[in-house]
C-alpha cells in the first residue's frame, strides 16, 4: 500500500533568518514590504509548519524541508511573478503535470487542496521568494526571532470570514499531520482507528487553543457526531448545486446573536478515495471491513474526486 503523505510541493513552510535587505532576482523589480512578509510568515506558521518542518531531513518527516522546494522552483533568473504563478497553479490544482519536483508524487503522493485564496498564495510566495533559506538545522536558532518580528497583529484588519478560514486551515493542518503519521505507520486500514478516536478530541483542542468553536460536518457523515444541522445542510446543498454547474464555491458567514459563524467547503481529492471512494474499487477489502466495523451506519462512501465531502464550521465571538 502506498504511503499517503502530503506532497512536498505544498511549497510554503519557510521561516527566514534574515530580512534586513531584500534583493530582487534578475528581471524582478517588485518591492515587498514588511506587512506582506508578516502575512506570508503568519500563513506558513499557522497552516503549514505542522507538516512541512524546516528541520526535516530529505528522507524523514511527512514532508521534505523547504530547501528542496526552493532548489527546484526558484533559479537565479526566476522572477517573483513567475514563481508566484507556478505556486498558484499547483496549489489550486495539485497534479503531476503541475509539479516541478522529480519523483515527488511517487514518493509523497499528491497534496490535498488547501483552500488558500490567490491573494494568500501571493503573500506566501513573496515570503518564500524573499527569504534567505538555510539548510535544515537553522530553524530552532532563528524561529523565535522571526516569530517576534512578524507574528504580532497579523489578524488586524481581517474580516471574521478571513479569520475563520485561518482557523479552519490551522486545524486541518494539525489533523492532516496526525492522520498522515498514522497512515504512514500502520496503513490506511489501521489509520481508521485514529479517525474514530482522535479526530474530534484534536479538533476540540484546537478550538480551545484558537478561542473558537470548530467542527467538521457533512450531509453524508461517517461519525454520527459529524451530522450537519439544517443551516449547515442549506449551505452544503447550495454549494453542491454550484459545483454541479462548474461554478466556484465560496465560504460564507452568518451571524447568530453575538457570534459569527463561518462555513468553509471541504472537497475530495485522490487521497480521500482510499476511505471515501467506491467500495472494492477505491477502497480495498480490509479497509472497507474496518469501516463497516467501526461505523455501522456510515454514509461517507461513493465519492469521486473534486466533490463536496463536507464543510468546516467555525463559530467565533
C-alpha atoms as a PDB file:
ATOM      1  CA  UNK A   1       0.000   0.000   0.000  1.00  0.00           C
ATOM      2  CA  UNK A   2       1.337   3.415  -0.938  1.00  0.00           C
ATOM      3  CA  UNK A   3       2.175   5.815   1.830  1.00  0.00           C
ATOM      4  CA  UNK A   4      -0.180   8.768   1.755  1.00  0.00           C
ATOM      5  CA  UNK A   5       1.970  11.676   2.731  1.00  0.00           C
ATOM      6  CA  UNK A   6       1.256  15.232   1.668  1.00  0.00           C
ATOM      7  CA  UNK A   7       3.285  16.171  -1.416  1.00  0.00           C
ATOM      8  CA  UNK A   8       6.385  18.203  -0.823  1.00  0.00           C
ATOM      9  CA  UNK A   9       5.095  20.763  -3.285  1.00  0.00           C
ATOM     10  CA  UNK A  10       2.701  22.496  -0.959  1.00  0.00           C
ATOM     11  CA  UNK A  11       5.727  24.794  -1.112  1.00  0.00           C
ATOM     12  CA  UNK A  12       5.022  27.046   1.759  1.00  0.00           C
ATOM     13  CA  UNK A  13       6.625  26.476   5.132  1.00  0.00           C
ATOM     14  CA  UNK A  14       9.713  28.679   5.334  1.00  0.00           C
ATOM     15  CA  UNK A  15      10.902  30.654   8.288  1.00  0.00           C
ATOM     16  CA  UNK A  16      13.699  33.011   7.402  1.00  0.00           C
ATOM     17  CA  UNK A  17      16.798  34.089   9.290  1.00  0.00           C
ATOM     18  CA  UNK A  18      17.407  37.441   7.626  1.00  0.00           C
ATOM     19  CA  UNK A  19      15.018  40.010   6.167  1.00  0.00           C
ATOM     20  CA  UNK A  20      17.176  43.074   6.682  1.00  0.00           C
ATOM     21  CA  UNK A  21      17.655  43.565   2.961  1.00  0.00           C
ATOM     22  CA  UNK A  22      15.561  42.343   0.049  1.00  0.00           C
ATOM     23  CA  UNK A  23      17.418  41.888  -3.239  1.00  0.00           C
ATOM     24  CA  UNK A  24      15.142  41.036  -6.186  1.00  0.00           C
ATOM     25  CA  UNK A  25      16.230  38.370  -8.654  1.00  0.00           C
ATOM     26  CA  UNK A  26      17.213  39.320 -12.193  1.00  0.00           C
ATOM     27  CA  UNK A  27      14.284  40.843 -14.067  1.00  0.00           C
ATOM     28  CA  UNK A  28      12.149  41.339 -10.933  1.00  0.00           C
ATOM     29  CA  UNK A  29      11.694  44.850  -9.594  1.00  0.00           C
ATOM     30  CA  UNK A  30       8.698  44.345  -7.268  1.00  0.00           C
ATOM     31  CA  UNK A  31       9.211  45.858  -3.822  1.00  0.00           C
ATOM     32  CA  UNK A  32       7.994  43.813  -0.889  1.00  0.00           C
ATOM     33  CA  UNK A  33       7.180  45.469   2.419  1.00  0.00           C
ATOM     34  CA  UNK A  34       7.251  44.006   5.905  1.00  0.00           C
ATOM     35  CA  UNK A  35       3.457  43.767   6.184  1.00  0.00           C
ATOM     36  CA  UNK A  36       3.390  41.403   3.210  1.00  0.00           C
ATOM     37  CA  UNK A  37       6.210  39.345   4.695  1.00  0.00           C
ATOM     38  CA  UNK A  38       4.333  39.257   8.000  1.00  0.00           C
ATOM     39  CA  UNK A  39       1.263  37.890   6.234  1.00  0.00           C
ATOM     40  CA  UNK A  40       3.341  35.238   4.478  1.00  0.00           C
ATOM     41  CA  UNK A  41       5.036  34.252   7.720  1.00  0.00           C
ATOM     42  CA  UNK A  42       1.709  34.031   9.537  1.00  0.00           C
ATOM     43  CA  UNK A  43       0.208  31.767   6.877  1.00  0.00           C
ATOM     44  CA  UNK A  44       3.149  29.382   6.775  1.00  0.00           C
ATOM     45  CA  UNK A  45       3.465  29.283  10.550  1.00  0.00           C
ATOM     46  CA  UNK A  46      -0.191  28.661  11.308  1.00  0.00           C
ATOM     47  CA  UNK A  47      -1.263  26.456   8.412  1.00  0.00           C
ATOM     48  CA  UNK A  48       1.744  24.612   7.031  1.00  0.00           C
ATOM     49  CA  UNK A  49       4.539  24.093   9.528  1.00  0.00           C
ATOM     50  CA  UNK A  50       2.903  21.094  11.214  1.00  0.00           C
ATOM     51  CA  UNK A  51       3.507  19.072   8.029  1.00  0.00           C
ATOM     52  CA  UNK A  52       6.493  20.865   6.493  1.00  0.00           C
ATOM     53  CA  UNK A  53       9.121  21.092   9.196  1.00  0.00           C
ATOM     54  CA  UNK A  54      12.117  23.211   8.165  1.00  0.00           C
ATOM     55  CA  UNK A  55      14.333  20.852  10.166  1.00  0.00           C
ATOM     56  CA  UNK A  56      13.173  17.655   8.460  1.00  0.00           C
ATOM     57  CA  UNK A  57      15.869  15.816   6.540  1.00  0.00           C
ATOM     58  CA  UNK A  58      15.295  14.762   2.934  1.00  0.00           C
ATOM     59  CA  UNK A  59      14.369  11.196   3.853  1.00  0.00           C
ATOM     60  CA  UNK A  60      12.418  11.811   7.069  1.00  0.00           C
ATOM     61  CA  UNK A  61       9.244  13.507   8.218  1.00  0.00           C
ATOM     62  CA  UNK A  62       5.918  13.677   6.466  1.00  0.00           C
ATOM     63  CA  UNK A  63       7.109  16.333   4.021  1.00  0.00           C
ATOM     64  CA  UNK A  64      10.654  17.295   2.944  1.00  0.00           C
ATOM     65  CA  UNK A  65      12.335  20.536   4.056  1.00  0.00           C
ATOM     66  CA  UNK A  66      11.747  23.736   2.153  1.00  0.00           C
ATOM     67  CA  UNK A  67      15.344  23.941   0.976  1.00  0.00           C
ATOM     68  CA  UNK A  68      14.381  21.290  -1.608  1.00  0.00           C
ATOM     69  CA  UNK A  69      11.411  23.393  -2.707  1.00  0.00           C
ATOM     70  CA  UNK A  70      13.468  26.480  -3.481  1.00  0.00           C
ATOM     71  CA  UNK A  71      16.070  24.398  -5.237  1.00  0.00           C
ATOM     72  CA  UNK A  72      13.568  23.104  -7.773  1.00  0.00           C
ATOM     73  CA  UNK A  73      11.254  26.115  -8.117  1.00  0.00           C
ATOM     74  CA  UNK A  74      13.494  29.170  -7.893  1.00  0.00           C
ATOM     75  CA  UNK A  75      16.569  29.553 -10.067  1.00  0.00           C
ATOM     76  CA  UNK A  76      18.806  32.623 -10.208  1.00  0.00           C
ATOM     77  CA  UNK A  77      16.797  34.189 -13.043  1.00  0.00           C
ATOM     78  CA  UNK A  78      13.329  33.180 -11.802  1.00  0.00           C
ATOM     79  CA  UNK A  79      11.264  36.301 -11.120  1.00  0.00           C
ATOM     80  CA  UNK A  80       8.876  36.600  -8.217  1.00  0.00           C
ATOM     81  CA  UNK A  81       5.964  36.885 -10.651  1.00  0.00           C
ATOM     82  CA  UNK A  82       6.985  33.617 -12.322  1.00  0.00           C
ATOM     83  CA  UNK A  83       7.352  31.812  -9.021  1.00  0.00           C
ATOM     84  CA  UNK A  84       4.000  33.141  -7.780  1.00  0.00           C
ATOM     85  CA  UNK A  85       2.278  31.982 -10.954  1.00  0.00           C
ATOM     86  CA  UNK A  86       3.681  28.447 -10.611  1.00  0.00           C
ATOM     87  CA  UNK A  87       2.744  28.298  -6.920  1.00  0.00           C
ATOM     88  CA  UNK A  88      -0.835  29.372  -7.595  1.00  0.00           C
ATOM     89  CA  UNK A  89      -1.066  26.901 -10.470  1.00  0.00           C
ATOM     90  CA  UNK A  90      -0.061  23.946  -8.331  1.00  0.00           C
ATOM     91  CA  UNK A  91      -1.919  24.770  -5.116  1.00  0.00           C
ATOM     92  CA  UNK A  92      -5.149  25.458  -6.999  1.00  0.00           C
ATOM     93  CA  UNK A  93      -4.784  22.197  -8.926  1.00  0.00           C
ATOM     94  CA  UNK A  94      -2.345  19.725  -7.339  1.00  0.00           C
ATOM     95  CA  UNK A  95      -1.328  17.337 -10.126  1.00  0.00           C
ATOM     96  CA  UNK A  96       1.684  15.568 -11.557  1.00  0.00           C
ATOM     97  CA  UNK A  97       1.700  17.897 -14.563  1.00  0.00           C
ATOM     98  CA  UNK A  98       1.912  20.969 -12.322  1.00  0.00           C
ATOM     99  CA  UNK A  99       4.681  19.605 -10.111  1.00  0.00           C
ATOM    100  CA  UNK A 100       8.287  20.597 -10.730  1.00  0.00           C
ATOM    101  CA  UNK A 101       9.979  18.247  -8.280  1.00  0.00           C
ATOM    102  CA  UNK A 102      11.087  14.917  -9.821  1.00  0.00           C
ATOM    103  CA  UNK A 103       9.555  11.798  -8.218  1.00  0.00           C
ATOM    104  CA  UNK A 104       7.779  13.865  -5.553  1.00  0.00           C
ATOM    105  CA  UNK A 105       4.339  12.469  -6.267  1.00  0.00           C
ATOM    106  CA  UNK A 106       5.600   8.876  -6.436  1.00  0.00           C
ATOM    107  CA  UNK A 107       7.230   9.314  -3.042  1.00  0.00           C
ATOM    108  CA  UNK A 108       4.732  11.535  -1.225  1.00  0.00           C
ATOM    109  CA  UNK A 109       1.502  11.266  -3.217  1.00  0.00           C
ATOM    110  CA  UNK A 110      -0.479  14.370  -4.148  1.00  0.00           C
ATOM    111  CA  UNK A 111      -1.224  17.015  -1.569  1.00  0.00           C
ATOM    112  CA  UNK A 112      -4.862  17.947  -0.970  1.00  0.00           C
ATOM    113  CA  UNK A 113      -6.261  21.296  -1.988  1.00  0.00           C
ATOM    114  CA  UNK A 114      -5.668  23.581   0.970  1.00  0.00           C
ATOM    115  CA  UNK A 115      -8.226  26.325   0.357  1.00  0.00           C
ATOM    116  CA  UNK A 116      -5.855  29.284   0.080  1.00  0.00           C
ATOM    117  CA  UNK A 117      -7.070  32.297  -1.894  1.00  0.00           C
ATOM    118  CA  UNK A 118      -4.830  33.636  -4.668  1.00  0.00           C
ATOM    119  CA  UNK A 119      -4.102  36.684  -2.517  1.00  0.00           C
ATOM    120  CA  UNK A 120      -2.876  34.432   0.307  1.00  0.00           C
ATOM    121  CA  UNK A 121      -0.767  32.331  -2.058  1.00  0.00           C
ATOM    122  CA  UNK A 122       0.745  35.534  -3.448  1.00  0.00           C
ATOM    123  CA  UNK A 123       1.795  36.595   0.054  1.00  0.00           C
ATOM    124  CA  UNK A 124       3.187  33.138   0.779  1.00  0.00           C
ATOM    125  CA  UNK A 125       5.153  33.292  -2.473  1.00  0.00           C
ATOM    126  CA  UNK A 126       6.525  36.723  -1.521  1.00  0.00           C
ATOM    127  CA  UNK A 127       7.723  35.360   1.802  1.00  0.00           C
ATOM    128  CA  UNK A 128       9.378  32.317   0.258  1.00  0.00           C
ATOM    129  CA  UNK A 129      10.939  34.240  -2.602  1.00  0.00           C
ATOM    130  CA  UNK A 130      12.433  36.979  -0.424  1.00  0.00           C
ATOM    131  CA  UNK A 131      13.637  34.712   2.371  1.00  0.00           C
ATOM    132  CA  UNK A 132      17.212  33.576   2.780  1.00  0.00           C
ATOM    133  CA  UNK A 133      16.683  29.888   3.385  1.00  0.00           C
ATOM    134  CA  UNK A 134      19.446  27.866   5.011  1.00  0.00           C
ATOM    135  CA  UNK A 135      19.719  24.105   5.215  1.00  0.00           C
ATOM    136  CA  UNK A 136      17.831  22.092   7.859  1.00  0.00           C
ATOM    137  CA  UNK A 137      19.112  22.828  11.352  1.00  0.00           C
ATOM    138  CA  UNK A 138      18.801  26.602  11.257  1.00  0.00           C
ATOM    139  CA  UNK A 139      15.207  26.765  12.417  1.00  0.00           C
ATOM    140  CA  UNK A 140      15.497  26.458  16.203  1.00  0.00           C
ATOM    141  CA  UNK A 141      18.069  29.232  16.361  1.00  0.00           C
ATOM    142  CA  UNK A 142      16.068  31.773  14.380  1.00  0.00           C
ATOM    143  CA  UNK A 143      12.383  30.862  14.741  1.00  0.00           C
ATOM    144  CA  UNK A 144      11.671  32.841  17.914  1.00  0.00           C
ATOM    145  CA  UNK A 145      13.291  35.907  16.412  1.00  0.00           C
ATOM    146  CA  UNK A 146      11.152  35.605  13.287  1.00  0.00           C
ATOM    147  CA  UNK A 147       8.005  34.932  15.282  1.00  0.00           C
ATOM    148  CA  UNK A 148       8.540  38.032  17.403  1.00  0.00           C
ATOM    149  CA  UNK A 149       9.268  40.107  14.328  1.00  0.00           C
ATOM    150  CA  UNK A 150       6.356  39.049  12.142  1.00  0.00           C
ATOM    151  CA  UNK A 151       3.631  37.349  14.175  1.00  0.00           C
ATOM    152  CA  UNK A 152       2.142  40.277  16.076  1.00  0.00           C
ATOM    153  CA  UNK A 153      -1.015  41.903  14.798  1.00  0.00           C
ATOM    154  CA  UNK A 154      -1.485  39.633  11.796  1.00  0.00           C
ATOM    155  CA  UNK A 155      -5.275  39.397  12.381  1.00  0.00           C
ATOM    156  CA  UNK A 156      -5.652  43.158  12.331  1.00  0.00           C
ATOM    157  CA  UNK A 157      -7.875  44.385   9.506  1.00  0.00           C
ATOM    158  CA  UNK A 158      -9.050  40.809   8.838  1.00  0.00           C
ATOM    159  CA  UNK A 159     -12.734  40.117   8.377  1.00  0.00           C
ATOM    160  CA  UNK A 160     -14.393  37.425  10.506  1.00  0.00           C
ATOM    161  CA  UNK A 161     -14.691  35.297   7.349  1.00  0.00           C
ATOM    162  CA  UNK A 162     -10.928  35.516   6.791  1.00  0.00           C
ATOM    163  CA  UNK A 163     -10.116  34.817  10.432  1.00  0.00           C
ATOM    164  CA  UNK A 164     -12.415  31.786  10.388  1.00  0.00           C
ATOM    165  CA  UNK A 165     -10.675  30.453   7.312  1.00  0.00           C
ATOM    166  CA  UNK A 166      -7.296  30.741   9.033  1.00  0.00           C
ATOM    167  CA  UNK A 167      -8.687  28.794  11.998  1.00  0.00           C
ATOM    168  CA  UNK A 168     -10.089  26.088   9.700  1.00  0.00           C
ATOM    169  CA  UNK A 169      -6.788  25.739   7.851  1.00  0.00           C
ATOM    170  CA  UNK A 170      -4.746  25.551  11.054  1.00  0.00           C
ATOM    171  CA  UNK A 171      -6.994  22.792  12.342  1.00  0.00           C
ATOM    172  CA  UNK A 172      -6.912  20.979   9.008  1.00  0.00           C
ATOM    173  CA  UNK A 173      -3.115  21.113   9.062  1.00  0.00           C
ATOM    174  CA  UNK A 174      -2.882  19.574  12.547  1.00  0.00           C
ATOM    175  CA  UNK A 175      -5.422  16.846  11.773  1.00  0.00           C
ATOM    176  CA  UNK A 176      -3.710  16.112   8.465  1.00  0.00           C
ATOM    177  CA  UNK A 177      -0.311  15.770  10.101  1.00  0.00           C
ATOM    178  CA  UNK A 178      -1.564  13.291  12.681  1.00  0.00           C
ATOM    179  CA  UNK A 179      -3.631  11.294  10.198  1.00  0.00           C
ATOM    180  CA  UNK A 180      -0.757  11.001   7.756  1.00  0.00           C
ATOM    181  CA  UNK A 181       1.572   9.846  10.504  1.00  0.00           C
ATOM    182  CA  UNK A 182      -0.972   7.153  11.391  1.00  0.00           C
ATOM    183  CA  UNK A 183      -1.268   6.091   7.737  1.00  0.00           C
ATOM    184  CA  UNK A 184       2.490   6.056   7.286  1.00  0.00           C
ATOM    185  CA  UNK A 185       2.964   3.934  10.392  1.00  0.00           C
ATOM    186  CA  UNK A 186       0.075   1.480  10.150  1.00  0.00           C
ATOM    187  CA  UNK A 187      -1.541   1.849   6.726  1.00  0.00           C
ATOM    188  CA  UNK A 188      -4.945   3.155   5.694  1.00  0.00           C
ATOM    189  CA  UNK A 189      -6.914   0.369   7.356  1.00  0.00           C
ATOM    190  CA  UNK A 190      -5.425   0.930  10.801  1.00  0.00           C
ATOM    191  CA  UNK A 191      -5.466   4.726  10.454  1.00  0.00           C
ATOM    192  CA  UNK A 192      -9.261   4.495  10.688  1.00  0.00           C
ATOM    193  CA  UNK A 193      -8.803   3.873  14.408  1.00  0.00           C
ATOM    194  CA  UNK A 194      -7.132   7.266  14.653  1.00  0.00           C
ATOM    195  CA  UNK A 195     -10.080   8.926  12.906  1.00  0.00           C
ATOM    196  CA  UNK A 196     -12.617   7.273  15.189  1.00  0.00           C
ATOM    197  CA  UNK A 197     -10.879   8.097  18.481  1.00  0.00           C
ATOM    198  CA  UNK A 198      -8.615  11.112  17.951  1.00  0.00           C
ATOM    199  CA  UNK A 199     -10.033  13.423  15.272  1.00  0.00           C
ATOM    200  CA  UNK A 200     -12.772  15.052  17.354  1.00  0.00           C
ATOM    201  CA  UNK A 201     -10.609  15.425  20.530  1.00  0.00           C
ATOM    202  CA  UNK A 202      -7.859  17.021  18.425  1.00  0.00           C
ATOM    203  CA  UNK A 203     -10.384  19.387  16.862  1.00  0.00           C
ATOM    204  CA  UNK A 204     -11.662  20.318  20.341  1.00  0.00           C
ATOM    205  CA  UNK A 205      -8.097  21.001  21.486  1.00  0.00           C
ATOM    206  CA  UNK A 206      -7.542  23.319  18.529  1.00  0.00           C
ATOM    207  CA  UNK A 207     -10.814  25.079  19.317  1.00  0.00           C
ATOM    208  CA  UNK A 208      -9.632  25.735  22.863  1.00  0.00           C
ATOM    209  CA  UNK A 209      -6.242  26.995  21.671  1.00  0.00           C
ATOM    210  CA  UNK A 210      -7.749  29.243  18.981  1.00  0.00           C
ATOM    211  CA  UNK A 211     -10.678  30.522  21.026  1.00  0.00           C
ATOM    212  CA  UNK A 212     -13.360  29.330  18.636  1.00  0.00           C
ATOM    213  CA  UNK A 213     -15.852  26.506  18.245  1.00  0.00           C
ATOM    214  CA  UNK A 214     -14.672  24.217  15.427  1.00  0.00           C
ATOM    215  CA  UNK A 215     -16.376  21.270  13.790  1.00  0.00           C
ATOM    216  CA  UNK A 216     -16.486  19.326  10.524  1.00  0.00           C
ATOM    217  CA  UNK A 217     -19.931  18.282   9.341  1.00  0.00           C
ATOM    218  CA  UNK A 218     -21.428  16.564   6.305  1.00  0.00           C
ATOM    219  CA  UNK A 219     -24.726  15.523   4.761  1.00  0.00           C
ATOM    220  CA  UNK A 220     -23.111  12.083   4.314  1.00  0.00           C
ATOM    221  CA  UNK A 221     -21.432  11.703   7.682  1.00  0.00           C
ATOM    222  CA  UNK A 222     -19.288   8.805   8.823  1.00  0.00           C
ATOM    223  CA  UNK A 223     -19.242   9.623  12.514  1.00  0.00           C
ATOM    224  CA  UNK A 224     -22.754  10.392  13.885  1.00  0.00           C
ATOM    225  CA  UNK A 225     -21.263  13.399  15.684  1.00  0.00           C
ATOM    226  CA  UNK A 226     -20.459  14.986  12.320  1.00  0.00           C
ATOM    227  CA  UNK A 227     -24.054  15.204  11.062  1.00  0.00           C
ATOM    228  CA  UNK A 228     -24.851  18.662   9.652  1.00  0.00           C
ATOM    229  CA  UNK A 229     -27.766  20.648  11.081  1.00  0.00           C
ATOM    230  CA  UNK A 230     -30.433  22.409   8.998  1.00  0.00           C
ATOM    231  CA  UNK A 231     -28.461  25.630   8.460  1.00  0.00           C
ATOM    232  CA  UNK A 232     -25.316  23.719   7.559  1.00  0.00           C
ATOM    233  CA  UNK A 233     -27.237  21.446   5.205  1.00  0.00           C
ATOM    234  CA  UNK A 234     -28.562  24.512   3.391  1.00  0.00           C
ATOM    235  CA  UNK A 235     -25.015  25.713   2.705  1.00  0.00           C
ATOM    236  CA  UNK A 236     -23.963  22.211   1.614  1.00  0.00           C
ATOM    237  CA  UNK A 237     -26.910  21.945  -0.791  1.00  0.00           C
ATOM    238  CA  UNK A 238     -26.180  25.374  -2.249  1.00  0.00           C
ATOM    239  CA  UNK A 239     -22.502  24.508  -2.668  1.00  0.00           C
ATOM    240  CA  UNK A 240     -23.248  21.219  -4.414  1.00  0.00           C
ATOM    241  CA  UNK A 241     -25.571  22.977  -6.844  1.00  0.00           C
ATOM    242  CA  UNK A 242     -22.812  25.460  -7.694  1.00  0.00           C
ATOM    243  CA  UNK A 243     -20.259  22.672  -8.191  1.00  0.00           C
ATOM    244  CA  UNK A 244     -22.673  20.821 -10.478  1.00  0.00           C
ATOM    245  CA  UNK A 245     -22.674  23.929 -12.702  1.00  0.00           C
ATOM    246  CA  UNK A 246     -18.860  24.221 -12.520  1.00  0.00           C
ATOM    247  CA  UNK A 247     -19.193  27.439 -10.546  1.00  0.00           C
ATOM    248  CA  UNK A 248     -16.885  28.384  -7.649  1.00  0.00           C
ATOM    249  CA  UNK A 249     -17.929  27.651  -4.071  1.00  0.00           C
ATOM    250  CA  UNK A 250     -17.046  30.435  -1.661  1.00  0.00           C
ATOM    251  CA  UNK A 251     -17.043  30.489   2.144  1.00  0.00           C
ATOM    252  CA  UNK A 252     -19.996  32.202   3.788  1.00  0.00           C
ATOM    253  CA  UNK A 253     -20.596  33.968   7.086  1.00  0.00           C
ATOM    254  CA  UNK A 254     -23.748  34.117   9.172  1.00  0.00           C
ATOM    255  CA  UNK A 255     -24.498  35.982  12.397  1.00  0.00           C
ATOM    256  CA  UNK A 256     -26.365  34.445  15.325  1.00  0.00           C
ATOM    257  CA  UNK A 257     -26.819  36.677  18.365  1.00  0.00           C
ATOM    258  CA  UNK A 258     -23.305  37.931  19.168  1.00  0.00           C
ATOM    259  CA  UNK A 259     -21.480  35.166  17.266  1.00  0.00           C
ATOM    260  CA  UNK A 260     -20.123  34.926  13.728  1.00  0.00           C
ATOM    261  CA  UNK A 261     -20.303  31.502  12.074  1.00  0.00           C
ATOM    262  CA  UNK A 262     -18.170  30.761   9.020  1.00  0.00           C
ATOM    263  CA  UNK A 263     -18.765  27.908   6.568  1.00  0.00           C
ATOM    264  CA  UNK A 264     -15.827  26.593   4.525  1.00  0.00           C
ATOM    265  CA  UNK A 265     -16.074  23.802   1.906  1.00  0.00           C
ATOM    266  CA  UNK A 266     -14.102  20.543   2.086  1.00  0.00           C
ATOM    267  CA  UNK A 267     -13.601  18.878  -1.293  1.00  0.00           C
ATOM    268  CA  UNK A 268     -12.369  15.387  -2.098  1.00  0.00           C
ATOM    269  CA  UNK A 269      -9.113  14.535  -3.839  1.00  0.00           C
ATOM    270  CA  UNK A 270      -7.269  11.392  -4.856  1.00  0.00           C
ATOM    271  CA  UNK A 271      -6.064  10.758  -1.312  1.00  0.00           C
ATOM    272  CA  UNK A 272      -9.637  10.802   0.042  1.00  0.00           C
ATOM    273  CA  UNK A 273     -10.657   7.978  -2.271  1.00  0.00           C
ATOM    274  CA  UNK A 274      -8.778   5.444  -0.127  1.00  0.00           C
ATOM    275  CA  UNK A 275     -11.513   5.706   2.508  1.00  0.00           C
ATOM    276  CA  UNK A 276     -14.351   7.590   0.805  1.00  0.00           C
ATOM    277  CA  UNK A 277     -14.368   6.337  -2.796  1.00  0.00           C
ATOM    278  CA  UNK A 278     -16.152   3.376  -4.362  1.00  0.00           C
ATOM    279  CA  UNK A 279     -16.108   0.129  -2.352  1.00  0.00           C
ATOM    280  CA  UNK A 280     -13.774  -2.575  -3.739  1.00  0.00           C
ATOM    281  CA  UNK A 281     -12.568  -0.153  -6.425  1.00  0.00           C
ATOM    282  CA  UNK A 282     -11.011   2.724  -4.494  1.00  0.00           C
ATOM    283  CA  UNK A 283     -11.460   1.206  -1.018  1.00  0.00           C
ATOM    284  CA  UNK A 284      -9.759  -2.168  -0.558  1.00  0.00           C
ATOM    285  CA  UNK A 285     -11.477  -5.085   1.153  1.00  0.00           C
ATOM    286  CA  UNK A 286      -9.718  -4.812   4.521  1.00  0.00           C
ATOM    287  CA  UNK A 287     -10.281  -1.064   4.783  1.00  0.00           C
ATOM    288  CA  UNK A 288     -13.939  -1.473   3.868  1.00  0.00           C
ATOM    289  CA  UNK A 289     -14.373  -4.162   6.519  1.00  0.00           C
ATOM    290  CA  UNK A 290     -12.786  -1.876   9.104  1.00  0.00           C
ATOM    291  CA  UNK A 291     -15.109   0.987   8.136  1.00  0.00           C
ATOM    292  CA  UNK A 292     -18.176  -1.247   8.449  1.00  0.00           C
ATOM    293  CA  UNK A 293     -16.985  -2.469  11.846  1.00  0.00           C
ATOM    294  CA  UNK A 294     -16.274   0.961  13.348  1.00  0.00           C
ATOM    295  CA  UNK A 295     -19.061   2.864  11.581  1.00  0.00           C
ATOM    296  CA  UNK A 296     -22.027   0.506  11.009  1.00  0.00           C
ATOM    297  CA  UNK A 297     -24.178   3.444   9.810  1.00  0.00           C
ATOM    298  CA  UNK A 298     -21.523   5.002   7.571  1.00  0.00           C
ATOM    299  CA  UNK A 299     -22.778   7.215   4.734  1.00  0.00           C
ATOM    300  CA  UNK A 300     -19.409   8.607   3.628  1.00  0.00           C
ATOM    301  CA  UNK A 301     -18.524   6.381   0.661  1.00  0.00           C
ATOM    302  CA  UNK A 302     -19.138   6.528  -3.063  1.00  0.00           C
ATOM    303  CA  UNK A 303     -17.423   9.862  -3.612  1.00  0.00           C
ATOM    304  CA  UNK A 304     -15.458  10.867  -6.688  1.00  0.00           C
ATOM    305  CA  UNK A 305     -12.614  13.369  -6.796  1.00  0.00           C
ATOM    306  CA  UNK A 306     -13.475  17.084  -6.582  1.00  0.00           C
ATOM    307  CA  UNK A 307     -16.812  16.587  -4.858  1.00  0.00           C
ATOM    308  CA  UNK A 308     -18.035  18.291  -1.695  1.00  0.00           C
ATOM    309  CA  UNK A 309     -17.208  15.964   1.194  1.00  0.00           C
ATOM    310  CA  UNK A 310     -18.424  18.314   3.916  1.00  0.00           C
ATOM    311  CA  UNK A 311     -17.689  21.690   5.480  1.00  0.00           C
ATOM    312  CA  UNK A 312     -15.751  23.321   8.291  1.00  0.00           C
ATOM    313  CA  UNK A 313     -17.958  25.294  10.669  1.00  0.00           C
ATOM    314  CA  UNK A 314     -16.122  27.954  12.683  1.00  0.00           C
ATOM    315  CA  UNK A 315     -18.034  29.811  15.385  1.00  0.00           C
ATOM    316  CA  UNK A 316     -16.359  32.967  16.676  1.00  0.00           C
ATOM    317  CA  UNK A 317     -17.336  35.517  19.314  1.00  0.00           C
END
